[in-house]
Amino acid sequence: MHIEFIGLKKVLFIVINDVVTDQRLERIAGSMHDAGYDVTIIGRKLRLSPEIKRPYKVKRLRFLINKSFAFYACFNVRLFFILLFSRFDIVVANDLDTLPAAHLAAYFRRKKVVFDSHELFPEVPELQHRPLVKSFWQRVERIFVKRQKFAMTVCDSIADYYLRKYNVAFQVIRNVPVIQPEIKTDIHSDKFPQPLIVYQGALNMGRGLETLILSLKYSLDIHLLMMGSGDIEQELKTIVKNNELEKRVFFTGRLMPSELKKYTIQAKLGVSLEDNMGLNYYYALPNKLFDYIHAGLPVLVSDFPEMKNIVEKFNVGLTISDKTPEKLGALLELMLKDVRYTIWKENTIIAADMLNWTHEEKILLGFYAKI
């Protein structure tokens, strides 16, 4: 696979997902394209990956192996040789699992490499009970991150972590949405019973989703909409069935980003209830928090520093530390009836005006202008 570019500023983004629902990458690549850069994304094509149309080039690779260490090795080896024979000025590694190929290829080609850390990869929950695998990714981090000249990440806590550990400065570019015109949903408002709370994102371990479902047993009037797919999706559906909550919990599966808000605006509250399973979740500042705010939803989030800072600074909801089903259910009930609910909802308008891509885009383009 040989990629040809036309233009002076050729930027190649590498990501290990199928690109479709990666909102951060879509915003960054779109802004770079609009600013005059020649943009190409290289990602992965899965069996069920939908087609994708963007104003820039998107190349997606198929692999016979799509999990385990063998996949990561194959991906990076293949990407290294693609990059070695492709034309680019800057290669952008999205997350640690693409950094080895990007860094080595840029070194041999004498080109610039940018590391965009969406998360603290060795600290993801899936690795916390796999010491050998975690140790491997920590070694990869030590080898490559400390050699980075140009790096960005999603929040101050992760930037501070890297600065302390490797003395590498990371530019913070937050995962905030583009301001959209008011959406009038074409989904019947009576499809989901009210009051409705919403979770959007991956259905993976450590997201507090099991507790969230069980909390409905202690909040008799509340319904839950779960938008996304992931490793524990079937397990969550089993919990719903075993607790006879089928009429109160709804699963949409994975949705395109353009469809998310049509569902989200029907809810009364948005939740982000990650468990403290490593620094990656503890420092989390997820897309969904900002998506809820832009949809006008007060939020309930874990009492972790980055999310807590946003919620308290703009007074758009509450945080929770003791997430037993009983206490979570009671707090959800309280929030919906609280006299502060109207204030929280009004404050989302103020917050959305400040927490949007218009501001972050200026920082992004300034960062690349220096490169």
Protein backbone atom coordinates (compact mmCIF):
# COMPACT_ATOMS: atom_id res chain seq x y z
CA MET A 1 0.00 0.00 0.00
CA HIS A 2 1.65 3.21 -1.19
CA ILE A 3 0.01 6.51 -0.35
CA GLU A 4 0.63 9.50 -2.59
CA PHE A 5 -0.01 13.06 -1.44
CA ILE A 6 -0.29 16.34 -3.26
CA GLY A 7 0.48 19.53 -1.38
CA LEU A 8 3.03 20.97 0.99
CA LYS A 9 1.72 19.94 4.40
CA LYS A 10 1.05 16.22 4.33
CA VAL A 11 -0.30 14.88 7.65
CA LEU A 12 -0.91 11.18 8.14
CA PHE A 13 -3.02 10.07 11.13
CA ILE A 14 -2.71 6.48 12.37
CA VAL A 15 -5.37 4.91 14.57
CA ILE A 16 -6.03 1.30 15.51
CA ASN A 17 -9.85 1.55 15.51
CA ASP A 18 -12.15 1.62 12.46
CA VAL A 19 -12.36 5.47 12.50
CA VAL A 20 -16.19 5.53 12.33
CA THR A 21 -17.01 6.63 15.90
CA ASP A 22 -13.70 8.27 16.85
CA GLN A 23 -15.06 11.78 17.39
CA ARG A 24 -11.75 13.24 18.54
CA LEU A 25 -9.96 12.10 15.42
CA GLU A 26 -12.83 13.29 13.20
CA ARG A 27 -12.72 16.78 14.71
CA ILE A 28 -8.93 17.10 14.57
CA ALA A 29 -8.59 15.74 11.04
CA GLY A 30 -11.49 17.92 9.87
CA SER A 31 -9.94 21.06 11.33
CA MET A 32 -6.57 20.25 9.80
CA HIS A 33 -8.19 19.62 6.41
CA ASP A 34 -10.13 22.89 6.58
CA ALA A 35 -6.91 24.73 7.48
CA GLY A 36 -5.25 23.56 4.27
CA TYR A 37 -3.37 20.45 5.35
CA ASP A 38 -3.38 17.37 3.12
CA VAL A 39 -4.89 14.84 5.52
CA THR A 40 -5.04 11.06 5.38
CA ILE A 41 -6.21 8.67 8.09
CA ILE A 42 -5.06 5.06 8.23
CA GLY A 43 -7.22 2.84 10.44
CA ARG A 44 -8.62 -0.67 10.51
CA LYS A 45 -11.51 -2.29 8.65
CA LEU A 46 -13.49 -4.78 10.72
CA ARG A 47 -16.07 -7.27 9.51
CA LEU A 48 -18.99 -5.07 10.60
CA SER A 49 -17.40 -1.68 9.99
CA PRO A 50 -19.81 0.60 8.09
CA GLU A 51 -18.70 2.61 5.11
CA ILE A 52 -17.24 6.02 5.84
CA LYS A 53 -17.17 9.25 3.84
CA ARG A 54 -14.98 12.17 4.82
CA PRO A 55 -13.68 15.23 2.90
CA TYR A 56 -10.15 13.83 3.29
CA LYS A 57 -8.61 10.44 2.55
CA VAL A 58 -9.39 7.46 4.79
CA LYS A 59 -7.57 4.15 4.26
CA ARG A 60 -8.63 1.17 6.38
CA LEU A 61 -6.61 -2.03 6.56
CA ARG A 62 -7.94 -5.55 7.05
CA PHE A 63 -6.20 -8.06 9.31
CA LEU A 64 -6.75 -11.79 9.71
CA ILE A 65 -5.93 -11.45 13.40
CA ASN A 66 -7.88 -8.74 15.27
CA LYS A 67 -7.05 -9.32 18.92
CA SER A 68 -4.24 -10.35 21.26
CA PHE A 69 -0.59 -9.36 21.22
CA ALA A 70 -0.13 -10.86 17.74
CA PHE A 71 -2.53 -8.32 16.29
CA TYR A 72 -0.70 -5.33 17.81
CA ALA A 73 2.60 -6.70 16.50
CA CYS A 74 1.18 -7.26 13.00
CA PHE A 75 -0.45 -3.85 12.95
CA ASN A 76 2.73 -1.98 13.87
CA VAL A 77 4.97 -3.98 11.53
CA ARG A 78 2.62 -3.46 8.60
CA LEU A 79 2.19 0.24 9.40
CA PHE A 80 5.95 0.71 9.68
CA PHE A 81 6.53 -0.52 6.13
CA ILE A 82 3.58 1.48 4.78
CA LEU A 83 5.00 4.63 6.35
CA LEU A 84 8.49 3.82 5.18
CA PHE A 85 7.37 4.04 1.56
CA SER A 86 4.72 6.77 1.84
CA ARG A 87 5.09 10.51 1.50
CA PHE A 88 4.26 12.63 4.54
CA ASP A 89 5.57 15.58 6.51
CA ILE A 90 3.98 14.72 9.86
CA VAL A 91 2.71 11.37 11.14
CA VAL A 92 0.29 11.42 14.08
CA ALA A 93 0.13 8.36 16.35
CA ASN A 94 -3.24 8.16 18.06
CA ASP A 95 -2.56 6.38 21.35
CA LEU A 96 0.36 4.27 22.49
CA ASP A 97 -0.57 1.20 20.44
CA THR A 98 0.32 3.02 17.19
CA LEU A 99 3.35 4.94 18.45
CA PRO A 100 6.13 2.38 17.77
CA ALA A 101 5.45 2.22 14.02
CA ALA A 102 4.94 5.98 13.71
CA HIS A 103 8.02 6.90 15.75
CA LEU A 104 10.39 4.49 14.01
CA ALA A 105 9.19 5.35 10.52
CA ALA A 106 9.47 9.07 11.23
CA TYR A 107 12.98 8.52 12.58
CA PHE A 108 14.20 6.72 9.45
CA ARG A 109 12.42 9.17 7.13
CA ARG A 110 13.61 12.23 9.11
CA LYS A 111 10.02 13.44 9.46
CA LYS A 112 8.03 14.82 12.40
CA VAL A 113 5.94 12.58 14.64
CA VAL A 114 3.13 13.71 16.95
CA PHE A 115 1.82 11.54 19.77
CA ASP A 116 -1.87 12.11 20.60
CA SER A 117 -2.57 10.26 23.85
CA HIS A 118 -6.32 9.75 24.20
CA GLU A 119 -5.73 7.85 27.43
CA LEU A 120 -3.07 6.37 29.72
CA PHE A 121 -2.83 3.11 27.81
CA PRO A 122 -0.96 0.97 30.39
CA GLU A 123 -3.55 2.02 32.98
CA VAL A 124 -6.68 0.81 31.16
CA PRO A 125 -8.82 -1.56 33.30
CA GLU A 126 -8.29 -4.50 30.93
CA LEU A 127 -4.57 -4.56 31.87
CA GLN A 128 -4.80 -4.13 35.64
CA HIS A 129 -4.90 -7.90 36.30
CA ARG A 130 -2.51 -8.83 33.48
CA PRO A 131 0.90 -7.82 34.91
CA LEU A 132 3.02 -9.17 32.04
CA VAL A 133 0.99 -7.39 29.36
CA LYS A 134 0.87 -4.21 31.42
CA SER A 135 4.63 -4.38 31.93
CA PHE A 136 5.15 -4.69 28.17
CA TRP A 137 3.12 -1.53 27.43
CA GLN A 138 4.87 0.34 30.24
CA ARG A 139 8.18 -0.54 28.58
CA VAL A 140 6.86 0.68 25.20
CA GLU A 141 5.78 3.91 26.90
CA ARG A 142 9.21 4.42 28.48
CA ILE A 143 11.04 3.80 25.21
CA PHE A 144 8.99 6.04 22.95
CA VAL A 145 7.15 8.69 24.98
CA LYS A 146 10.25 10.14 26.60
CA ARG A 147 11.66 10.76 23.09
CA GLN A 148 8.65 12.75 21.91
CA LYS A 149 9.13 16.38 20.93
CA PHE A 150 5.51 16.96 19.94
CA ALA A 151 2.67 15.51 21.98
CA MET A 152 -0.91 16.27 22.95
CA THR A 153 -3.53 14.76 25.21
CA VAL A 154 -7.10 15.21 26.42
CA CYS A 155 -6.78 16.75 29.90
CA ASP A 156 -4.47 18.46 32.36
CA SER A 157 -4.11 15.42 34.67
CA ILE A 158 -2.65 13.21 31.92
CA ALA A 159 -0.42 16.06 30.72
CA ASP A 160 0.88 16.54 34.29
CA TYR A 161 1.43 12.77 34.61
CA TYR A 162 3.63 12.65 31.51
CA LEU A 163 5.50 15.78 32.49
CA ARG A 164 6.35 14.35 35.91
CA LYS A 165 7.25 10.90 34.59
CA TYR A 166 9.14 11.69 31.39
CA ASN A 167 9.68 15.45 31.46
CA VAL A 168 7.74 15.74 28.18
CA ALA A 169 5.33 18.65 27.72
CA PHE A 170 1.92 17.69 26.32
CA GLN A 171 -0.46 20.20 24.77
CA VAL A 172 -3.99 19.74 26.10
CA ILE A 173 -6.70 19.52 23.42
CA ARG A 174 -10.00 18.60 25.11
CA ASN A 175 -12.62 16.31 23.57
CA VAL A 176 -15.32 18.96 23.26
CA PRO A 177 -18.00 18.95 20.53
CA VAL A 178 -18.50 21.23 17.59
CA ILE A 179 -21.40 23.62 18.18
CA GLN A 180 -24.39 22.30 16.24
CA PRO A 181 -27.66 23.95 15.28
CA GLU A 182 -30.65 22.93 17.36
CA ILE A 183 -31.58 19.35 16.58
CA LYS A 184 -35.21 18.40 16.15
CA THR A 185 -35.26 14.65 16.63
CA ASP A 186 -37.10 12.51 14.13
CA ILE A 187 -37.40 9.80 16.77
CA HIS A 188 -40.85 9.60 18.36
CA SER A 189 -40.68 11.11 21.82
CA ASP A 190 -42.87 8.33 23.18
CA LYS A 191 -40.43 5.60 22.08
CA PHE A 192 -38.63 5.77 25.43
CA PRO A 193 -40.65 6.14 28.66
CA GLN A 194 -39.85 9.03 30.95
CA PRO A 195 -38.04 9.97 33.09
CA LEU A 196 -35.07 8.75 31.07
CA ILE A 197 -31.38 8.81 31.92
CA VAL A 198 -28.73 8.13 29.30
CA TYR A 199 -25.31 6.52 29.03
CA GLN A 200 -23.35 6.81 25.79
CA GLY A 201 -20.03 5.16 25.12
CA ALA A 202 -18.35 1.76 25.12
CA LEU A 203 -20.03 -1.03 27.07
CA ASN A 204 -16.79 -2.16 28.71
CA MET A 205 -15.67 -3.14 32.18
CA GLY A 206 -15.01 -0.41 34.72
CA ARG A 207 -17.71 1.96 33.43
CA GLY A 208 -20.04 1.36 36.41
CA LEU A 209 -22.69 -0.02 34.08
CA GLU A 210 -23.60 -3.09 36.13
CA THR A 211 -24.26 -0.89 39.16
CA LEU A 212 -26.16 1.60 37.03
CA ILE A 213 -28.56 -1.09 35.81
CA LEU A 214 -29.09 -2.50 39.31
CA SER A 215 -29.76 1.01 40.67
CA LEU A 216 -33.06 0.99 38.79
CA LYS A 217 -34.38 -1.46 41.38
CA TYR A 218 -34.08 1.38 43.90
CA SER A 219 -35.49 4.12 41.66
CA LEU A 220 -38.83 2.76 40.54
CA ASP A 221 -39.77 5.46 38.03
CA ILE A 222 -36.49 5.81 36.12
CA HIS A 223 -35.66 4.32 32.71
CA LEU A 224 -32.19 3.87 31.20
CA LEU A 225 -30.99 4.27 27.62
CA MET A 226 -27.57 2.72 26.84
CA MET A 227 -26.00 3.81 23.55
CA GLY A 228 -22.94 1.89 22.46
CA SER A 229 -21.45 -1.57 22.20
CA GLY A 230 -18.55 -3.36 23.81
CA ASP A 231 -17.02 -6.37 25.53
CA ILE A 232 -19.65 -6.74 28.28
CA GLU A 233 -22.75 -5.91 26.25
CA GLN A 234 -24.17 -9.42 26.48
CA GLU A 235 -23.37 -9.60 30.19
CA LEU A 236 -25.30 -6.36 30.76
CA LYS A 237 -28.29 -7.69 28.83
CA THR A 238 -28.22 -10.79 31.01
CA ILE A 239 -28.28 -8.63 34.16
CA VAL A 240 -31.27 -6.75 32.76
CA LYS A 241 -33.11 -10.00 32.03
CA ASN A 242 -32.27 -11.65 35.37
CA ASN A 243 -33.60 -8.62 37.24
CA GLU A 244 -36.73 -8.29 35.07
CA LEU A 245 -35.80 -4.81 33.87
CA GLU A 246 -36.43 -5.35 30.16
CA LYS A 247 -39.15 -2.67 30.08
CA ARG A 248 -36.89 -0.10 31.72
CA VAL A 249 -33.48 -0.57 30.06
CA PHE A 250 -32.98 0.00 26.33
CA PHE A 251 -29.91 -0.81 24.20
CA THR A 252 -29.34 0.91 20.85
CA GLY A 253 -26.04 -0.70 19.86
CA ARG A 254 -23.31 1.40 18.29
CA LEU A 255 -24.57 4.62 16.71
CA MET A 256 -22.94 7.03 14.31
CA PRO A 257 -21.88 10.27 16.06
CA SER A 258 -24.42 12.19 13.96
CA GLU A 259 -27.23 10.08 15.49
CA LEU A 260 -26.21 10.28 19.14
CA LYS A 261 -27.66 13.67 19.97
CA LYS A 262 -31.07 12.79 18.52
CA TYR A 263 -31.35 10.18 21.25
CA THR A 264 -29.51 12.06 24.00
CA ILE A 265 -31.77 15.13 23.95
CA GLN A 266 -34.73 12.96 24.93
CA ALA A 267 -33.20 12.21 28.35
CA LYS A 268 -33.31 14.11 31.63
CA LEU A 269 -29.85 13.19 32.94
CA GLY A 270 -26.54 11.99 31.51
CA VAL A 271 -24.23 9.70 33.52
CA SER A 272 -20.51 8.88 33.43
CA LEU A 273 -19.81 6.55 36.36
CA GLU A 274 -16.35 5.07 35.76
CA ASP A 275 -14.86 2.96 38.55
CA ASN A 276 -11.42 3.69 39.95
CA MET A 277 -9.66 0.88 38.09
CA GLY A 278 -6.35 2.59 37.41
CA LEU A 279 -5.24 6.07 36.55
CA ASN A 280 -6.74 5.96 33.06
CA TYR A 281 -10.29 6.11 34.43
CA TYR A 282 -9.34 8.23 37.44
CA TYR A 283 -8.04 10.96 35.11
CA ALA A 284 -10.84 10.50 32.57
CA LEU A 285 -12.44 13.49 30.85
CA PRO A 286 -14.65 11.64 28.35
CA ASN A 287 -16.45 12.85 25.23
CA LYS A 288 -19.81 11.91 26.69
CA LEU A 289 -19.59 14.47 29.50
CA PHE A 290 -19.35 17.28 26.97
CA ASP A 291 -21.94 15.66 24.71
CA TYR A 292 -24.42 15.62 27.59
CA ILE A 293 -23.76 19.28 28.33
CA HIS A 294 -24.25 20.25 24.68
CA ALA A 295 -27.53 18.31 24.68
CA GLY A 296 -28.71 20.36 27.68
CA LEU A 297 -28.55 17.50 30.19
CA PRO A 298 -27.51 17.88 33.83
CA VAL A 299 -24.98 15.17 34.68
CA LEU A 300 -24.04 12.71 37.41
CA VAL A 301 -20.38 11.66 37.25
CA SER A 302 -17.77 9.85 39.30
CA ASP A 303 -15.98 11.94 41.89
CA PHE A 304 -12.72 11.99 39.90
CA PRO A 305 -10.63 15.17 39.46
CA GLU A 306 -11.16 16.08 35.79
CA MET A 307 -14.90 15.37 35.62
CA LYS A 308 -15.49 16.88 39.05
CA ASN A 309 -13.71 20.07 38.00
CA ILE A 310 -16.03 20.56 35.00
CA VAL A 311 -19.22 19.74 36.92
CA GLU A 312 -18.41 22.03 39.85
CA LYS A 313 -16.93 24.87 37.79
CA PHE A 314 -20.07 25.18 35.67
CA ASN A 315 -22.56 23.83 38.24
CA VAL A 316 -24.18 21.39 35.81
CA GLY A 317 -24.88 18.47 38.15
CA LEU A 318 -23.42 16.33 40.92
CA THR A 319 -20.62 13.86 41.57
CA ILE A 320 -20.82 10.54 43.41
CA SER A 321 -18.16 8.49 45.23
CA ASP A 322 -20.17 5.72 46.92
CA LYS A 323 -21.68 3.92 43.94
CA THR A 324 -23.72 1.14 45.50
CA PRO A 325 -26.95 0.41 43.61
CA GLU A 326 -29.01 1.68 46.54
CA LYS A 327 -27.21 5.01 46.88
CA LEU A 328 -26.95 5.55 43.13
CA GLY A 329 -30.65 4.88 42.65
CA ALA A 330 -31.57 7.26 45.45
CA LEU A 331 -29.31 10.01 44.06
CA LEU A 332 -30.75 9.69 40.57
CA GLU A 333 -34.25 10.04 42.01
CA LEU A 334 -33.14 13.05 44.05
CA MET A 335 -31.56 14.84 41.10
CA LEU A 336 -34.67 14.56 38.96
CA LYS A 337 -36.79 16.10 41.73
CA ASP A 338 -34.21 18.56 43.07
CA VAL A 339 -35.04 22.27 42.96
CA ARG A 340 -31.56 22.78 41.48
CA TYR A 341 -32.41 20.77 38.35
CA THR A 342 -33.56 23.87 36.43
CA ILE A 343 -30.37 25.71 37.43
CA TRP A 344 -28.18 22.82 36.30
CA LYS A 345 -29.99 22.67 32.98
CA GLU A 346 -29.69 26.42 32.38
CA ASN A 347 -25.99 26.26 33.21
CA THR A 348 -25.38 23.69 30.47
CA ILE A 349 -26.05 26.48 27.97
CA ILE A 350 -23.33 28.64 29.52
CA ALA A 351 -20.95 25.67 29.74
CA ALA A 352 -21.54 24.62 26.12
CA ASP A 353 -20.70 28.15 24.97
CA MET A 354 -17.25 27.80 26.58
CA LEU A 355 -16.62 24.08 26.14
CA ASN A 356 -16.75 23.71 22.38
CA TRP A 357 -14.45 22.97 19.47
CA THR A 358 -14.22 26.59 18.34
CA HIS A 359 -11.85 27.28 21.24
CA GLU A 360 -9.90 24.01 21.09
CA GLU A 361 -9.42 24.28 17.32
CA LYS A 362 -7.42 27.48 17.76
CA ILE A 363 -5.10 25.72 20.21
CA LEU A 364 -4.79 22.75 17.84
CA LEU A 365 -3.84 24.83 14.80
CA GLY A 366 -1.40 26.87 16.87
CA PHE A 367 0.24 23.65 18.04
CA TYR A 368 0.72 22.39 14.47
CA ALA A 369 1.88 25.79 13.25
CA LYS A 370 4.81 25.56 15.67
CA ILE A 371 5.73 22.14 14.30
